[in-house]
Amino acid sequence: MTTKADVTEEEWARLKRAPFVAGMAISLADPGGPIEAFKETAATLRTVSEAAQRRNQGELVDTLAAEVVEEGHHRKNPLSGFKAHSTTEITDELRAVNAIVTEKASPEEAEAFRAWLLAAAQEAANAAKEGGFFGFHAQRVSEGEQRMLDTLREVLGVPAG
């Protein structure tokens, strides 16, 4: 079992913010208005909160999610210290986070962690319809968002499917 003691403070902070970085990747892949951004962020937060409540995604994810939720009650920003100006910086961050879990977590924990990140990104993509006119002819997941989901799977080494 991978615990906070197995990683540096910086690595732990990166692991905690990773689902939000994955959600941010979706927002930047196809920028919409403030309402879309709010819905995508809320969906990412909901994914983290649900993981903390269910506590069935492996001890690493369960612990990370519980800590993020607890810090949220104290108004701590999970993205504190992270500034990204491009999707390249976001994918680089997620690639680095994947290297941390690959090196320090068990294969099962690493797989659960990757699934958690992809679930956060997928929920963000599903959160708001894209395009159309007042919702007519809009898509649930835009082409840009789908490309980013595919990129995230590639970055995390998770086969499509």
Protein backbone atom coordinates (compact mmCIF):
# COMPACT_ATOMS: atom_id res chain seq x y z
CA MET A 1 0.00 0.00 0.00
CA THR A 2 1.34 3.41 -1.00
CA THR A 3 1.02 6.08 1.66
CA LYS A 4 1.97 9.70 2.07
CA ALA A 5 5.21 8.54 3.71
CA ASP A 6 6.26 6.83 0.45
CA VAL A 7 6.44 10.08 -1.55
CA THR A 8 7.81 13.58 -1.05
CA GLU A 9 5.52 16.43 -0.03
CA GLU A 10 5.74 17.85 -3.55
CA GLU A 11 4.83 14.48 -5.10
CA TRP A 12 1.86 14.12 -2.73
CA ALA A 13 0.63 17.60 -3.68
CA ARG A 14 0.95 16.67 -7.37
CA LEU A 15 -1.02 13.46 -6.84
CA LYS A 16 -3.80 15.34 -5.02
CA ARG A 17 -4.19 17.96 -7.72
CA ALA A 18 -3.96 15.50 -10.63
CA PRO A 19 -7.74 14.96 -11.09
CA PHE A 20 -8.22 18.72 -11.25
CA VAL A 21 -5.40 19.02 -13.76
CA ALA A 22 -7.11 16.32 -15.84
CA GLY A 23 -10.38 18.28 -15.66
CA MET A 24 -8.52 21.45 -16.60
CA ALA A 25 -7.16 19.66 -19.67
CA ILE A 26 -10.72 19.17 -20.88
CA SER A 27 -11.62 22.81 -20.25
CA LEU A 28 -8.61 24.01 -22.23
CA ALA A 29 -9.16 21.50 -25.03
CA ASP A 30 -12.37 23.24 -26.07
CA PRO A 31 -12.81 26.49 -24.15
CA GLY A 32 -16.38 27.59 -23.70
CA GLY A 33 -17.92 30.26 -21.59
CA PRO A 34 -17.87 30.68 -17.85
CA ILE A 35 -20.92 28.48 -17.36
CA GLU A 36 -19.26 25.58 -19.19
CA ALA A 37 -16.05 26.06 -17.19
CA PHE A 38 -18.07 26.06 -13.94
CA LYS A 39 -19.89 22.86 -14.92
CA GLU A 40 -16.64 21.12 -15.88
CA THR A 41 -14.95 22.13 -12.62
CA ALA A 42 -17.97 21.06 -10.59
CA ALA A 43 -17.98 17.68 -12.34
CA THR A 44 -14.31 17.16 -11.49
CA LEU A 45 -14.93 18.09 -7.87
CA ARG A 46 -17.91 15.73 -7.76
CA THR A 47 -15.70 12.87 -9.03
CA VAL A 48 -13.19 13.49 -6.25
CA SER A 49 -15.92 13.83 -3.62
CA GLU A 50 -17.62 10.61 -4.73
CA ALA A 51 -14.29 8.75 -4.50
CA ALA A 52 -13.87 10.02 -0.94
CA GLN A 53 -17.38 8.88 -0.01
CA ARG A 54 -17.26 5.46 -1.69
CA ARG A 55 -13.77 4.56 -0.50
CA ASN A 56 -13.58 1.62 -2.91
CA GLN A 57 -10.92 2.66 -5.42
CA GLY A 58 -7.88 1.43 -3.53
CA GLU A 59 -6.20 2.97 -0.54
CA LEU A 60 -4.10 5.46 -2.50
CA VAL A 61 -7.07 7.02 -4.34
CA ASP A 62 -9.28 6.81 -1.27
CA THR A 63 -6.69 8.58 0.88
CA LEU A 64 -5.95 11.26 -1.72
CA ALA A 65 -9.64 11.95 -2.32
CA ALA A 66 -10.44 12.13 1.39
CA GLU A 67 -7.58 14.56 1.96
CA VAL A 68 -8.66 16.79 -0.94
CA VAL A 69 -12.22 16.89 0.38
CA GLU A 70 -11.02 17.66 3.91
CA GLU A 71 -8.78 20.46 2.64
CA GLY A 72 -11.73 21.78 0.63
CA HIS A 73 -13.67 22.20 3.87
CA HIS A 74 -10.82 24.50 4.96
CA ARG A 75 -10.94 26.38 1.64
CA LYS A 76 -7.57 25.05 0.44
CA ASN A 77 -7.23 25.19 -3.33
CA PRO A 78 -6.19 21.78 -4.75
CA LEU A 79 -4.47 23.55 -7.65
CA SER A 80 -2.39 25.76 -5.37
CA GLY A 81 1.10 26.12 -6.79
CA PHE A 82 0.17 24.88 -10.24
CA LYS A 83 0.02 27.25 -13.16
CA ALA A 84 -0.50 25.96 -16.67
CA HIS A 85 -0.78 28.10 -19.75
CA SER A 86 -1.13 25.35 -22.32
CA THR A 87 -2.35 21.83 -22.77
CA THR A 88 1.29 20.80 -23.24
CA GLU A 89 2.09 21.92 -19.69
CA ILE A 90 -0.94 20.01 -18.45
CA THR A 91 -0.04 16.80 -20.26
CA ASP A 92 3.57 17.16 -19.04
CA GLU A 93 2.27 17.43 -15.47
CA LEU A 94 0.07 14.36 -15.87
CA ARG A 95 2.94 12.45 -17.47
CA ALA A 96 5.10 13.30 -14.44
CA VAL A 97 2.34 12.27 -12.03
CA ASN A 98 1.97 8.99 -13.90
CA ALA A 99 5.72 8.40 -13.49
CA ILE A 100 5.36 8.93 -9.73
CA VAL A 101 2.61 6.34 -9.34
CA THR A 102 4.34 3.94 -11.72
CA GLU A 103 7.50 4.12 -9.63
CA LYS A 104 6.08 4.25 -6.12
CA ALA A 105 2.68 2.57 -6.14
CA SER A 106 1.70 -1.03 -6.67
CA PRO A 107 0.46 -1.87 -10.17
CA GLU A 108 -3.10 -2.14 -8.81
CA GLU A 109 -2.92 1.24 -7.08
CA ALA A 110 -1.40 2.86 -10.17
CA GLU A 111 -4.17 1.43 -12.34
CA ALA A 112 -6.86 2.69 -9.94
CA PHE A 113 -5.20 6.12 -9.85
CA ARG A 114 -5.12 6.35 -13.65
CA ALA A 115 -8.77 5.29 -13.82
CA TRP A 116 -9.63 8.01 -11.29
CA LEU A 117 -7.93 10.68 -13.40
CA LEU A 118 -9.67 9.50 -16.56
CA ALA A 119 -13.02 9.42 -14.75
CA ALA A 120 -12.49 13.04 -13.64
CA ALA A 121 -11.64 14.07 -17.21
CA GLN A 122 -14.60 12.15 -18.66
CA GLU A 123 -17.00 13.72 -16.17
CA ALA A 124 -15.66 17.16 -17.05
CA ALA A 125 -16.18 16.39 -20.76
CA ASN A 126 -19.73 15.20 -20.11
CA ALA A 127 -20.62 18.17 -17.90
CA ALA A 128 -21.70 20.67 -20.53
CA LYS A 129 -22.92 20.41 -24.08
CA GLU A 130 -20.67 22.02 -26.66
CA GLY A 131 -21.62 24.04 -29.72
CA GLY A 132 -25.07 24.40 -31.18
CA PHE A 133 -27.46 27.25 -30.64
CA PHE A 134 -29.10 27.46 -27.21
CA GLY A 135 -28.42 23.76 -26.80
CA PHE A 136 -29.92 22.69 -30.12
CA HIS A 137 -27.61 20.48 -32.17
CA ALA A 138 -25.03 20.59 -29.37
CA GLN A 139 -22.69 17.70 -28.64
CA ARG A 140 -22.18 16.15 -25.20
CA VAL A 141 -18.43 15.76 -25.85
CA SER A 142 -16.84 17.96 -28.48
CA GLU A 143 -14.20 16.77 -30.92
CA GLY A 144 -11.55 18.78 -29.05
CA GLU A 145 -12.55 17.22 -25.74
CA GLN A 146 -12.52 13.73 -27.25
CA ARG A 147 -9.04 14.34 -28.67
CA MET A 148 -7.90 15.42 -25.21
CA LEU A 149 -9.45 12.35 -23.59
CA ASP A 150 -7.53 10.22 -26.11
CA THR A 151 -4.35 12.17 -25.36
CA LEU A 152 -4.82 11.66 -21.62
CA ARG A 153 -5.24 7.91 -22.14
CA GLU A 154 -2.01 7.92 -24.13
CA VAL A 155 -0.15 10.03 -21.53
CA LEU A 156 -1.32 7.71 -18.75
CA GLY A 157 -0.65 4.55 -20.74
CA VAL A 158 -4.27 3.40 -20.64
CA PRO A 159 -5.61 1.66 -23.75
CA ALA A 160 -8.78 3.06 -25.29
CA GLY A 161 -11.90 1.13 -24.65
